[in-house]
Protein backbone atom coordinates (compact mmCIF):
# COMPACT_ATOMS: atom_id res chain seq x y z
CA UNK A 1 18.61 -33.62 4.51
CA UNK A 2 16.75 -29.87 3.04
CA UNK A 3 13.55 -30.20 4.84
CA UNK A 4 15.75 -30.97 7.96
CA UNK A 5 18.02 -27.94 7.22
CA UNK A 6 15.11 -25.61 6.97
CA UNK A 7 13.42 -26.70 9.97
CA UNK A 8 16.57 -26.38 11.66
CA UNK A 9 16.76 -22.84 10.22
CA UNK A 10 13.62 -21.60 11.22
CA UNK A 11 14.07 -22.92 14.66
CA UNK A 12 17.48 -21.12 14.84
CA UNK A 13 15.41 -17.98 13.69
CA UNK A 14 13.02 -18.27 16.63
CA UNK A 15 14.99 -18.88 19.14
CA UNK A 16 17.09 -15.65 17.78
CA UNK A 17 14.03 -13.67 17.74
CA UNK A 18 13.05 -14.73 21.09
CA UNK A 19 16.24 -14.01 22.78
CA UNK A 20 16.07 -10.49 21.55
CA UNK A 21 12.47 -9.87 22.30
CA UNK A 22 12.75 -11.09 25.71
CA UNK A 23 15.49 -8.78 26.87
CA UNK A 24 14.70 -6.52 29.50
CA UNK A 25 16.65 -3.41 28.94
CA UNK A 26 14.93 -1.35 31.63
CA UNK A 27 17.17 1.81 32.53
CA UNK A 28 19.44 1.49 29.44
CA UNK A 29 17.22 2.93 27.12
CA UNK A 30 16.72 6.97 26.71
CA UNK A 31 13.57 7.89 27.88
CA UNK A 32 12.26 9.36 24.65
CA UNK A 33 13.35 6.03 22.50
CA UNK A 34 11.21 3.78 24.77
CA UNK A 35 8.29 3.99 22.60
CA UNK A 36 10.10 3.04 19.47
CA UNK A 37 11.97 0.21 21.30
CA UNK A 38 8.26 -1.27 22.66
CA UNK A 39 7.08 -0.95 19.01
CA UNK A 40 10.13 -3.01 17.52
CA UNK A 41 9.59 -5.38 20.44
CA UNK A 42 6.15 -5.95 19.62
CA UNK A 43 7.04 -6.61 15.74
CA UNK A 44 9.77 -9.08 16.93
CA UNK A 45 7.19 -10.99 19.29
CA UNK A 46 4.73 -11.14 15.94
CA UNK A 47 7.28 -12.47 13.77
CA UNK A 48 8.28 -15.07 16.56
CA UNK A 49 4.56 -16.00 16.47
CA UNK A 50 4.57 -16.64 12.84
CA UNK A 51 7.75 -18.42 12.30
CA UNK A 52 6.49 -20.75 15.12
CA UNK A 53 3.16 -21.35 13.26
CA UNK A 54 5.08 -21.76 9.88
CA UNK A 55 7.28 -24.56 11.76
CA UNK A 56 4.61 -26.15 13.20
CA UNK A 57 2.54 -26.65 10.47
CA UNK A 58 4.84 -26.90 7.44
CA UNK A 59 4.23 -29.56 5.16
CA UNK A 60 7.71 -29.96 3.37
CA UNK A 61 8.44 -31.87 0.91
CA UNK A 62 10.00 -35.23 1.49
CA UNK A 63 8.68 -35.14 5.34
CA UNK A 64 6.25 -38.01 6.14
CA UNK A 65 2.95 -36.56 6.83
CA UNK A 66 1.25 -37.17 10.11
CA UNK A 67 -2.42 -38.15 10.23
CA UNK A 68 -4.92 -38.68 12.88
CA UNK A 69 -8.29 -40.76 12.81
CA UNK A 70 -11.26 -38.86 15.08
CA UNK A 71 -14.74 -38.36 15.42
CA UNK A 72 -15.95 -34.87 15.95
CA UNK A 73 -19.20 -33.01 16.73
CA UNK A 74 -20.74 -30.06 15.70
CA UNK A 75 -19.18 -26.78 16.65
CA UNK A 76 -21.75 -23.97 16.45
CA UNK A 77 -23.05 -24.05 12.82
CA UNK A 78 -24.96 -27.44 11.89
CA UNK A 79 -26.37 -30.28 14.52
CA UNK A 80 -29.06 -31.97 12.26
CA UNK A 81 -29.39 -33.62 9.03
CA UNK A 82 -31.94 -35.41 7.19
CA UNK A 83 -31.75 -39.18 5.95
CA UNK A 84 -31.74 -37.89 2.59
CA UNK A 85 -29.14 -35.08 3.06
CA UNK A 86 -26.91 -37.94 4.68
CA UNK A 87 -27.66 -40.72 2.06
CA UNK A 88 -26.62 -37.86 -0.53
CA UNK A 89 -23.32 -37.46 1.22
CA UNK A 90 -22.64 -41.40 1.55
CA UNK A 91 -23.67 -41.97 -2.12
CA UNK A 92 -20.13 -41.12 -3.87
CA UNK A 93 -21.72 -41.66 -7.22
CA UNK A 94 -24.33 -39.01 -7.03
CA UNK A 95 -23.35 -36.01 -9.15
CA UNK A 96 -20.08 -35.86 -7.06
CA UNK A 97 -21.70 -34.42 -3.91
CA UNK A 98 -19.38 -36.67 -1.70
CA UNK A 99 -16.19 -35.56 -3.45
CA UNK A 100 -16.61 -31.95 -3.43
CA UNK A 101 -17.52 -32.44 0.20
CA UNK A 102 -14.67 -34.54 1.02
CA UNK A 103 -12.15 -31.83 -0.96
CA UNK A 104 -13.31 -28.88 0.76
CA UNK A 105 -13.12 -30.98 4.11
CA UNK A 106 -9.24 -31.91 3.36
CA UNK A 107 -8.79 -28.31 2.45
CA UNK A 108 -10.04 -26.73 5.68
CA UNK A 109 -8.19 -29.61 7.82
CA UNK A 110 -4.96 -28.75 5.93
CA UNK A 111 -5.39 -25.16 6.90
CA UNK A 112 -1.86 -23.70 7.35
CA UNK A 113 -0.04 -25.87 4.37
CA UNK A 114 2.81 -23.99 2.30
CA UNK A 115 1.28 -25.79 -0.82
CA UNK A 116 -0.78 -23.99 -3.29
CA UNK A 117 -1.39 -26.79 -5.67
CA UNK A 118 -4.51 -28.74 -5.20
CA UNK A 119 -3.36 -31.70 -7.29
CA UNK A 120 -0.55 -31.93 -4.57
CA UNK A 121 -2.87 -31.72 -1.67
CA UNK A 122 -5.22 -33.90 -2.82
CA UNK A 123 -2.33 -36.69 -3.85
CA UNK A 124 -0.36 -35.99 -0.57
CA UNK A 125 -4.00 -37.20 1.58
CA UNK A 126 -5.26 -39.19 -1.10
CA UNK A 127 -6.14 -41.87 2.03
CA UNK A 128 -8.21 -39.19 3.50
CA UNK A 129 -11.80 -40.03 4.39
CA UNK A 130 -14.61 -38.32 5.91
CA UNK A 131 -17.89 -39.85 6.84
CA UNK A 132 -21.37 -38.77 8.64
CA UNK A 133 -22.53 -40.47 11.87
CA UNK A 134 -25.80 -40.29 12.52
CA UNK A 135 -27.13 -40.44 16.30
CA UNK A 136 -30.20 -39.84 18.20
CA UNK A 137 -28.82 -36.64 19.59
CA UNK A 138 -27.59 -35.38 16.12
CA UNK A 139 -24.67 -36.15 14.12
CA UNK A 140 -21.06 -36.39 13.92
CA UNK A 141 -18.36 -36.58 11.58
CA UNK A 142 -15.70 -39.88 11.45
CA UNK A 143 -12.51 -38.58 9.99
CA UNK A 144 -9.77 -40.97 8.88
CA UNK A 145 -6.25 -40.14 8.09
CA UNK A 146 -6.79 -36.42 8.76
CA UNK A 147 -3.92 -33.97 8.74
CA UNK A 148 -2.28 -33.72 12.20
CA UNK A 149 -1.88 -29.96 12.31
CA UNK A 150 -5.81 -29.56 12.74
CA UNK A 151 -5.27 -31.37 16.11
CA UNK A 152 -3.73 -29.98 19.57
CA UNK A 153 -3.26 -32.84 21.99
CA UNK A 154 -5.86 -34.98 19.99
CA UNK A 155 -8.46 -32.53 20.17
CA UNK A 156 -9.38 -30.75 16.88
CA UNK A 157 -8.98 -26.81 17.16
CA UNK A 158 -12.16 -25.10 17.55
CA UNK A 159 -11.92 -22.53 14.70
CA UNK A 160 -11.00 -25.61 12.45
CA UNK A 161 -14.28 -27.28 13.56
CA UNK A 162 -16.52 -24.71 12.91
CA UNK A 163 -14.97 -24.28 9.46
CA UNK A 164 -15.63 -28.17 8.96
CA UNK A 165 -19.26 -28.09 9.63
CA UNK A 166 -19.61 -24.88 7.55
CA UNK A 167 -18.30 -26.45 4.39
CA UNK A 168 -21.00 -29.52 5.36
CA UNK A 169 -23.65 -26.73 5.72
CA UNK A 170 -22.88 -25.16 2.38
CA UNK A 171 -22.34 -28.17 0.31
CA UNK A 172 -25.57 -29.62 1.38
CA UNK A 173 -27.49 -26.58 1.52
CA UNK A 174 -26.35 -25.33 -2.00
CA UNK A 175 -27.00 -28.94 -3.65
CA UNK A 176 -30.78 -29.49 -2.15
CA UNK A 177 -31.89 -25.71 -2.09
CA UNK A 178 -30.10 -24.09 -5.03
CA UNK A 179 -29.20 -26.33 -7.68
CA UNK A 180 -31.88 -29.02 -7.34
CA UNK A 181 -34.35 -26.21 -6.64
CA UNK A 182 -36.77 -25.52 -9.61
CA UNK A 183 -37.37 -22.27 -7.89
CA UNK A 184 -33.93 -21.00 -9.29
CA UNK A 185 -33.00 -20.70 -12.62
CA UNK A 186 -29.38 -20.25 -12.86
CA UNK A 187 -29.05 -19.00 -16.36
CA UNK A 188 -31.29 -16.04 -15.24
CA UNK A 189 -29.43 -12.90 -13.71
CA UNK A 190 -31.89 -12.39 -11.04
CA UNK A 191 -31.87 -15.61 -9.91
CA UNK A 192 -28.18 -16.11 -9.81
CA UNK A 193 -28.15 -12.97 -7.38
CA UNK A 194 -30.89 -14.70 -5.15
CA UNK A 195 -29.34 -17.72 -4.95
CA UNK A 196 -25.97 -16.04 -3.79
CA UNK A 197 -28.34 -13.81 -1.17
CA UNK A 198 -29.74 -17.32 -0.16
CA UNK A 199 -26.40 -19.16 0.43
CA UNK A 200 -25.15 -16.08 2.47
CA UNK A 201 -28.55 -15.85 4.79
CA UNK A 202 -28.13 -19.43 5.31
CA UNK A 203 -24.68 -19.21 6.58
CA UNK A 204 -25.66 -16.49 8.82
CA UNK A 205 -22.99 -14.07 7.06
CA UNK A 206 -25.57 -11.14 6.81
CA UNK A 207 -25.69 -8.40 9.66
CA UNK A 208 -29.12 -6.86 9.38
CA UNK A 209 -28.83 -4.25 11.83
CA UNK A 210 -25.15 -2.81 11.02
CA UNK A 211 -24.21 0.15 9.56
CA UNK A 212 -21.76 -0.08 6.58
CA UNK A 213 -18.49 -1.39 7.86
CA UNK A 214 -17.58 -4.28 5.92
CA UNK A 215 -14.25 -3.91 3.93
CA UNK A 216 -13.38 -6.62 1.60
CA UNK A 217 -9.28 -7.10 1.24
CA UNK A 218 -8.01 -8.62 -1.67
CA UNK A 219 -4.92 -9.51 -2.51
CA UNK A 220 -2.34 -12.68 -3.25
CA UNK A 221 -1.68 -15.55 -1.10
CA UNK A 222 2.09 -15.55 -2.58
CA UNK A 223 3.37 -12.59 -1.21
CA UNK A 224 6.50 -11.24 0.31
CA UNK A 225 7.06 -10.72 4.11
CA UNK A 226 6.86 -6.97 3.69
CA UNK A 227 4.13 -6.75 1.75
CA UNK A 228 1.95 -9.49 4.23
CA UNK A 229 3.44 -7.12 7.29
CA UNK A 230 1.83 -4.20 5.49
CA UNK A 231 -1.30 -5.89 5.30
CA UNK A 232 -1.66 -6.65 8.77
CA UNK A 233 -0.71 -2.53 9.48
CA UNK A 234 -3.71 -1.91 7.32
CA UNK A 235 -6.13 -4.57 9.04
CA UNK A 236 -5.01 -3.22 12.59
CA UNK A 237 -5.95 0.55 11.56
CA UNK A 238 -9.54 -0.70 10.13
CA UNK A 239 -10.00 -2.57 13.46
CA UNK A 240 -9.27 0.58 15.45
CA UNK A 241 -12.13 2.44 13.09
CA UNK A 242 -14.25 -0.24 14.00
CA UNK A 243 -14.39 -1.66 10.61
CA UNK A 244 -14.94 -5.13 9.94
CA UNK A 245 -12.97 -7.49 7.24
CA UNK A 246 -13.81 -9.87 4.58
CA UNK A 247 -11.16 -11.84 2.67
CA UNK A 248 -10.69 -15.10 0.28
CA UNK A 249 -9.90 -16.41 3.54
CA UNK A 250 -6.67 -18.02 2.59
CA UNK A 251 -3.06 -17.02 3.66
CA UNK A 252 -0.94 -14.15 2.91
CA UNK A 253 -3.01 -10.70 2.07
CA UNK A 254 -6.02 -12.66 3.03
CA UNK A 255 -4.60 -13.73 6.49
CA UNK A 256 -2.60 -10.44 7.20
CA UNK A 257 -5.83 -8.14 7.29
CA UNK A 258 -7.52 -10.13 9.79
CA UNK A 259 -4.62 -10.52 11.99
CA UNK A 260 -4.35 -6.87 12.17
CA UNK A 261 -7.85 -6.02 12.66
CA UNK A 262 -8.20 -8.63 15.69
CA UNK A 263 -5.66 -6.38 17.58
CA UNK A 264 -7.44 -3.07 16.58
CA UNK A 265 -10.81 -4.63 17.46
CA UNK A 266 -9.43 -5.55 20.80
CA UNK A 267 -7.98 -2.33 21.68
CA UNK A 268 -11.22 -0.71 21.48
CA UNK A 269 -13.00 -3.55 22.99
CA UNK A 270 -15.06 -4.60 20.18
CA UNK A 271 -15.74 -8.30 21.23
CA UNK A 272 -18.09 -9.20 18.38
CA UNK A 273 -15.69 -8.40 15.43
CA UNK A 274 -16.65 -10.31 12.09
CA UNK A 275 -13.71 -11.80 9.94
CA UNK A 276 -15.70 -13.21 7.10
CA UNK A 277 -13.82 -15.71 4.58
CA UNK A 278 -15.58 -16.28 1.19
CA UNK A 279 -14.44 -19.41 -0.73
CA UNK A 280 -15.09 -21.86 -3.65
CA UNK A 281 -14.77 -25.41 -3.87
CA UNK A 282 -12.07 -24.97 -6.96
CA UNK A 283 -9.70 -22.96 -5.01
CA UNK A 284 -10.14 -23.86 -1.51
CA UNK A 285 -7.49 -26.61 -1.39
CA UNK A 286 -5.12 -24.01 -2.70
CA UNK A 287 -5.99 -21.22 -0.40
CA UNK A 288 -7.30 -23.03 2.60
CA UNK A 289 -8.98 -21.01 5.39
CA UNK A 290 -6.97 -19.43 7.96
CA UNK A 291 -8.16 -19.89 11.49
CA UNK A 292 -8.87 -16.16 12.33
CA UNK A 293 -11.80 -16.55 10.07
CA UNK A 294 -15.03 -16.76 12.48
CA UNK A 295 -17.75 -16.84 9.44
CA UNK A 296 -16.71 -19.16 6.45
CA UNK A 297 -18.91 -19.37 3.37
CA UNK A 298 -18.42 -21.57 0.57
CA UNK A 299 -20.02 -20.65 -2.43
CA UNK A 300 -20.69 -23.14 -5.69
CA UNK A 301 -18.20 -21.23 -8.16
CA UNK A 302 -15.92 -18.48 -8.88
CA UNK A 303 -18.58 -16.10 -10.22
CA UNK A 304 -20.85 -16.36 -7.23
CA UNK A 305 -17.50 -15.93 -5.09
CA UNK A 306 -16.89 -12.78 -6.74
CA UNK A 307 -20.60 -11.60 -6.82
CA UNK A 308 -21.03 -12.53 -3.19
CA UNK A 309 -17.94 -10.16 -2.27
CA UNK A 310 -19.28 -7.10 -3.89
CA UNK A 311 -22.63 -7.56 -2.86
CA UNK A 312 -22.06 -7.62 1.08
CA UNK A 313 -18.57 -5.53 1.03
CA UNK A 314 -19.01 -2.06 1.45
CA UNK A 315 -15.72 -0.96 0.46
CA UNK A 316 -12.48 -3.01 -0.88
CA UNK A 317 -9.27 -2.73 -0.65
CA UNK A 318 -6.28 -4.46 -3.08
CA UNK A 319 -3.16 -5.62 -1.96
CA UNK A 320 -0.75 -6.97 -3.88
CA UNK A 321 -1.03 -10.04 -5.49
CA UNK A 322 -1.05 -11.96 -8.85
CA UNK A 323 -3.32 -13.17 -11.65
CA UNK A 324 -5.97 -13.72 -8.88
CA UNK A 325 -5.92 -10.48 -7.71
CA UNK A 326 -6.43 -9.07 -11.14
CA UNK A 327 -9.01 -11.19 -11.67
CA UNK A 328 -10.78 -9.70 -8.78
CA UNK A 329 -10.09 -5.85 -9.98
CA UNK A 330 -10.99 -6.66 -13.48
CA UNK A 331 -14.81 -8.19 -11.91
CA UNK A 332 -15.34 -5.35 -9.81
CA UNK A 333 -14.20 -2.50 -12.65
CA UNK A 334 -16.35 -4.25 -15.07
CA UNK A 335 -19.48 -4.18 -12.90
CA UNK A 336 -18.93 -0.57 -11.73
CA UNK A 337 -18.26 0.38 -15.63
CA UNK A 338 -21.78 -0.83 -16.39
CA UNK A 339 -23.97 2.18 -17.13
CA UNK A 340 -26.64 1.25 -14.69
CA UNK A 341 -23.91 1.66 -12.01
CA UNK A 342 -22.68 5.13 -12.69
CA UNK A 343 -22.78 7.38 -9.32
CA UNK A 344 -22.95 3.97 -7.09
CA UNK A 345 -20.69 4.60 -4.50
CA UNK A 346 -17.93 1.79 -3.94
CA UNK A 347 -14.63 3.09 -2.12
CA UNK A 348 -11.83 1.12 -4.01
CA UNK A 349 -8.30 1.80 -2.89
CA UNK A 350 -5.17 -0.12 -4.34
CA UNK A 351 -2.54 -0.18 -1.37
CA UNK A 352 1.01 -1.67 -0.44
CA UNK A 353 4.29 -0.94 1.12
CA UNK A 354 6.78 1.10 -0.78
CA UNK A 355 8.61 -1.25 -2.55
CA UNK A 356 5.02 -2.50 -4.25
CA UNK A 357 4.49 0.79 -5.94
CA UNK A 358 5.78 -0.42 -9.28
CA UNK A 359 3.31 -3.12 -9.11
CA UNK A 360 0.36 -1.09 -8.64
CA UNK A 361 1.94 1.44 -11.28
CA UNK A 362 2.01 -1.45 -13.86
CA UNK A 363 -1.80 -2.48 -12.96
CA UNK A 364 -2.45 1.17 -13.33
CA UNK A 365 -1.03 1.41 -17.05
CA UNK A 366 -2.58 -1.81 -17.75
CA UNK A 367 -6.36 -0.49 -16.90
CA UNK A 368 -5.33 2.74 -18.66
CA UNK A 369 -4.22 0.86 -22.07
CA UNK A 370 -7.24 -1.51 -21.78
CA UNK A 371 -10.16 0.11 -20.07
CA UNK A 372 -9.24 3.76 -20.31
CA UNK A 373 -9.38 6.68 -18.10
CA UNK A 374 -12.97 6.09 -17.08
CA UNK A 375 -11.98 2.89 -15.24
CA UNK A 376 -8.92 4.70 -13.81
CA UNK A 377 -11.32 7.23 -11.83
CA UNK A 378 -12.97 3.99 -10.15
CA UNK A 379 -9.95 3.62 -7.67
CA UNK A 380 -7.38 5.55 -5.80
CA UNK A 381 -3.70 4.26 -5.23
CA UNK A 382 -2.20 4.78 -1.59
CA UNK A 383 1.29 3.81 -0.92
CA UNK A 384 2.60 3.00 2.33
CA UNK A 385 0.32 4.84 4.45
CA UNK A 386 -2.14 2.29 6.52
CA UNK A 387 -3.90 5.10 8.44
CA UNK A 388 -4.76 6.93 5.59
CA UNK A 389 -6.26 4.00 3.64
CA UNK A 390 -8.29 3.48 6.85
CA UNK A 391 -9.50 6.94 7.04
CA UNK A 392 -10.66 6.93 3.29
CA UNK A 393 -12.61 3.84 3.81
CA UNK A 394 -13.95 5.14 7.16
CA UNK A 395 -15.12 8.26 5.37
CA UNK A 396 -16.33 6.09 2.37
CA UNK A 397 -18.98 4.26 4.48
CA UNK A 398 -20.74 7.53 5.53
CA UNK A 399 -21.30 8.18 1.71
CA UNK A 400 -22.36 4.42 1.23
CA UNK A 401 -24.81 4.89 4.24
CA UNK A 402 -26.41 7.87 2.93
CA UNK A 403 -26.82 6.44 -0.95
CA UNK A 404 -28.14 3.26 0.49
CA UNK A 405 -30.86 5.12 2.65
CA UNK A 406 -31.58 7.47 -0.22
CA UNK A 407 -32.40 4.67 -2.59
CA UNK A 408 -34.09 2.44 0.09
CA UNK A 409 -31.42 -0.29 -0.67
CA UNK A 410 -30.30 -2.91 2.27
CA UNK A 411 -26.92 -2.21 4.39
CA UNK A 412 -26.21 -6.11 4.38
CA UNK A 413 -26.70 -6.93 0.88
CA UNK A 414 -26.18 -4.35 -2.16
CA UNK A 415 -29.32 -5.30 -4.32
CA UNK A 416 -29.19 -1.99 -6.44
CA UNK A 417 -25.69 -2.78 -8.06
CA UNK A 418 -26.20 -4.26 -11.52
CA UNK A 419 -24.34 -7.26 -12.59
CA UNK A 420 -24.16 -8.29 -16.07
CA UNK A 421 -24.46 -11.87 -16.98
CA UNK A 422 -21.33 -12.10 -18.41
CA UNK A 423 -19.79 -11.57 -14.85
CA UNK A 424 -22.16 -14.27 -13.48
CA UNK A 425 -22.40 -17.39 -16.20
CA UNK A 426 -19.79 -19.95 -14.68
CA UNK A 427 -16.91 -20.04 -17.07
CA UNK A 428 -15.11 -23.70 -17.46
CA UNK A 429 -11.29 -22.41 -18.45
CA UNK A 430 -10.82 -25.18 -21.50
CA UNK A 431 -8.36 -24.59 -23.75
CA UNK A 432 -11.02 -24.01 -26.49
CA UNK A 433 -12.98 -21.64 -24.27
CA UNK A 434 -9.69 -19.52 -23.61
CA UNK A 435 -8.77 -19.29 -27.29
CA UNK A 436 -12.06 -17.95 -28.29
CA UNK A 437 -12.09 -15.20 -25.65
CA UNK A 438 -12.85 -11.82 -27.66
CA UNK A 439 -9.99 -9.94 -26.42
CA UNK A 440 -10.46 -6.61 -28.53
CA UNK A 441 -12.10 -3.38 -27.87
CA UNK A 442 -14.92 -3.38 -30.41
CA UNK A 443 -17.24 -4.08 -27.61
CA UNK A 444 -18.70 -2.28 -24.57
CA UNK A 445 -15.79 -1.73 -22.00
CA UNK A 446 -17.64 -3.65 -19.18
CA UNK A 447 -17.94 -6.47 -21.87
CA UNK A 448 -13.93 -6.24 -22.48
CA UNK A 449 -13.35 -6.34 -18.44
CA UNK A 450 -15.39 -9.26 -18.33
CA UNK A 451 -13.50 -11.02 -21.21
CA UNK A 452 -10.37 -10.12 -19.47
CA UNK A 453 -11.46 -11.50 -16.24
CA UNK A 454 -11.91 -14.57 -18.00
CA UNK A 455 -8.46 -14.91 -19.07
CA UNK A 456 -7.23 -14.19 -15.68
CA UNK A 457 -9.50 -16.95 -14.51
CA UNK A 458 -8.17 -19.50 -16.92
CA UNK A 459 -4.55 -18.72 -15.86
CA UNK A 460 -5.62 -19.14 -11.85
CA UNK A 461 -6.88 -22.60 -12.94
CA UNK A 462 -3.91 -23.50 -14.65
CA UNK A 463 -1.59 -22.53 -11.72
CA UNK A 464 -3.72 -23.94 -8.75
CA UNK A 465 -6.89 -25.73 -9.48
CA UNK A 466 -6.60 -29.36 -9.82
CA UNK A 467 -8.81 -29.69 -13.15
CA UNK A 468 -6.74 -27.02 -14.82
CA UNK A 469 -3.44 -28.06 -13.75
CA UNK A 470 -4.64 -31.66 -15.13
CA UNK A 471 -5.75 -29.79 -18.49
CA UNK A 472 -2.42 -28.07 -18.96
CA UNK A 473 -0.61 -31.46 -18.48
CA UNK A 474 -2.74 -33.29 -21.33
CA UNK A 475 -3.02 -30.44 -23.60
CA UNK A 476 0.01 -28.24 -23.07
CA UNK A 477 -0.60 -24.22 -22.11
CA UNK A 478 -3.76 -21.96 -22.68
CA UNK A 479 -3.43 -20.11 -25.89
CA UNK A 480 -4.46 -16.30 -25.36
CA UNK A 481 -4.55 -14.23 -28.35
CA UNK A 482 -6.61 -11.18 -29.52
CA UNK A 483 -6.24 -7.51 -30.72
CA UNK A 484 -2.54 -6.16 -30.45
CA UNK A 485 -3.83 -3.13 -28.07
CA UNK A 486 -4.97 -5.61 -25.84
CA UNK A 487 -2.90 -8.62 -25.62
CA UNK A 488 0.32 -6.74 -25.45
CA UNK A 489 -0.55 -4.78 -22.37
CA UNK A 490 -1.80 -8.46 -21.15
CA UNK A 491 1.66 -10.01 -22.00
CA UNK A 492 3.52 -7.15 -20.10
CA UNK A 493 1.73 -7.31 -17.36
CA UNK A 494 1.65 -11.16 -17.02
CA UNK A 495 5.32 -11.13 -17.54
CA UNK A 496 5.74 -8.75 -14.67
CA UNK A 497 3.93 -10.84 -12.22
CA UNK A 498 6.50 -13.75 -13.43
CA UNK A 499 9.45 -11.77 -12.88
CA UNK A 500 8.38 -10.85 -9.58
CA UNK A 501 7.52 -14.03 -8.39
CA UNK A 502 3.73 -13.56 -8.00
CA UNK A 503 2.35 -16.55 -9.59
CA UNK A 504 3.49 -19.07 -6.98
CA UNK A 505 4.25 -19.40 -3.61
CA UNK A 506 8.01 -17.97 -2.97
CA UNK A 507 10.67 -20.68 -3.53
CA UNK A 508 8.81 -22.47 -6.49
CA UNK A 509 9.78 -22.43 -9.89
CA UNK A 510 6.89 -21.39 -12.22
CA UNK A 511 6.11 -23.01 -15.60
CA UNK A 512 3.73 -20.77 -17.52
CA UNK A 513 0.32 -22.35 -17.87
CA UNK A 514 -0.39 -19.82 -20.83
CA UNK A 515 1.30 -19.04 -24.23
CA UNK A 516 0.71 -15.43 -25.86
CA UNK A 517 -0.19 -15.71 -29.70
CA UNK A 518 0.47 -12.79 -31.79
């Protein structure tokens, strides 16, 4: 009954907004008010679209999920596989490759879900199967019990079809050409960077002949409507200035900038706008790629995903978020605080609507208390001014271009940036590993940033990743302990995230996956 009421309520909102948005008030509005009315009408129509999307793809508790069996052919990214590669994916016992592929594929097909708990997603579609069919003319994918929301009139949505084969491309390539390739030593910092480069190049993500113009947008998948609308406004201003967008490819602050940029690009008649989505197997089910992404890349773990962001991006915007956003901030600040990166231009802006100002002030206070004023000087905070954000980033692109040109570095991949191995080595967020984090200031400041990044990474795992959720169920909350000067600001920041409902999607009661030990 509750699910039915929610659906009826959403339908009522759509009808009401549609009626108002469709009103023809010509002749009843003062001439100087027409522009304001048209702006409000456009905003209403945008809200109608979002509500219709939410209604059509909502996976509400208690609702029977519709599924489809289908066979689909490649769409623009992969057409052939060797017999060896096919056998790898058919052999469910070989290193979990099939399982990784199945899970990532399900996440792509479940695009738009209102669930940010990967364990729930996999349980809800536990009967989902995907198999490769080899034919003389190439390959196709046979799907059984696939989420019906990925199809329209029995045909798979083109964007989702592209994402499905991008997953296949990246899973196969990463295993064969990176993990199982003796030419890569993934315990070596330089080889890790090379691996990130090769995965991005194989995916066709690197734009060799473009000037710096790619803006990475970070922020939460669980944000308020006003914050989401603000991300669209910033994306629109970026698009008007010819800037492309890269995000973590999920909903919320990862979808909004792309949505806004598409309109800005369209107005400027930019036909080849890039909307790059970078994900990894552990997070993709909780943050399924949104359909606007036209260039999806799956990196093998969170550390390589984060390095991909900072290597391909020319500037970064941070919108309101939660622990995942804090993890990303600490990752970038830790890299920029490395002595070798002094003087490296990297435009970094924290921004949100007026009511988000307190969120960023708390982040700023946390950074000052733990990393110091040197870290604060690496970013600026701009509140409620999308055009200002876009202008600052546009100007920053010229600075980045001059720097890269002077040091003979590529525009499409930042080779000159030094990334400490602490930011590259995969961190398994076990209870033991979390309890042993070195949360104290008796170490280089960029090393402290790396340790705190791992603390936030553990909480992300406990909130949304299947293995983290299962570990919490078996052993209880993670324990975070350390020096009072570090642990107390950390506790205060996490408490503010909980109070502002930034740990999970709205409407869900949050059970902390961590405990502060003093």
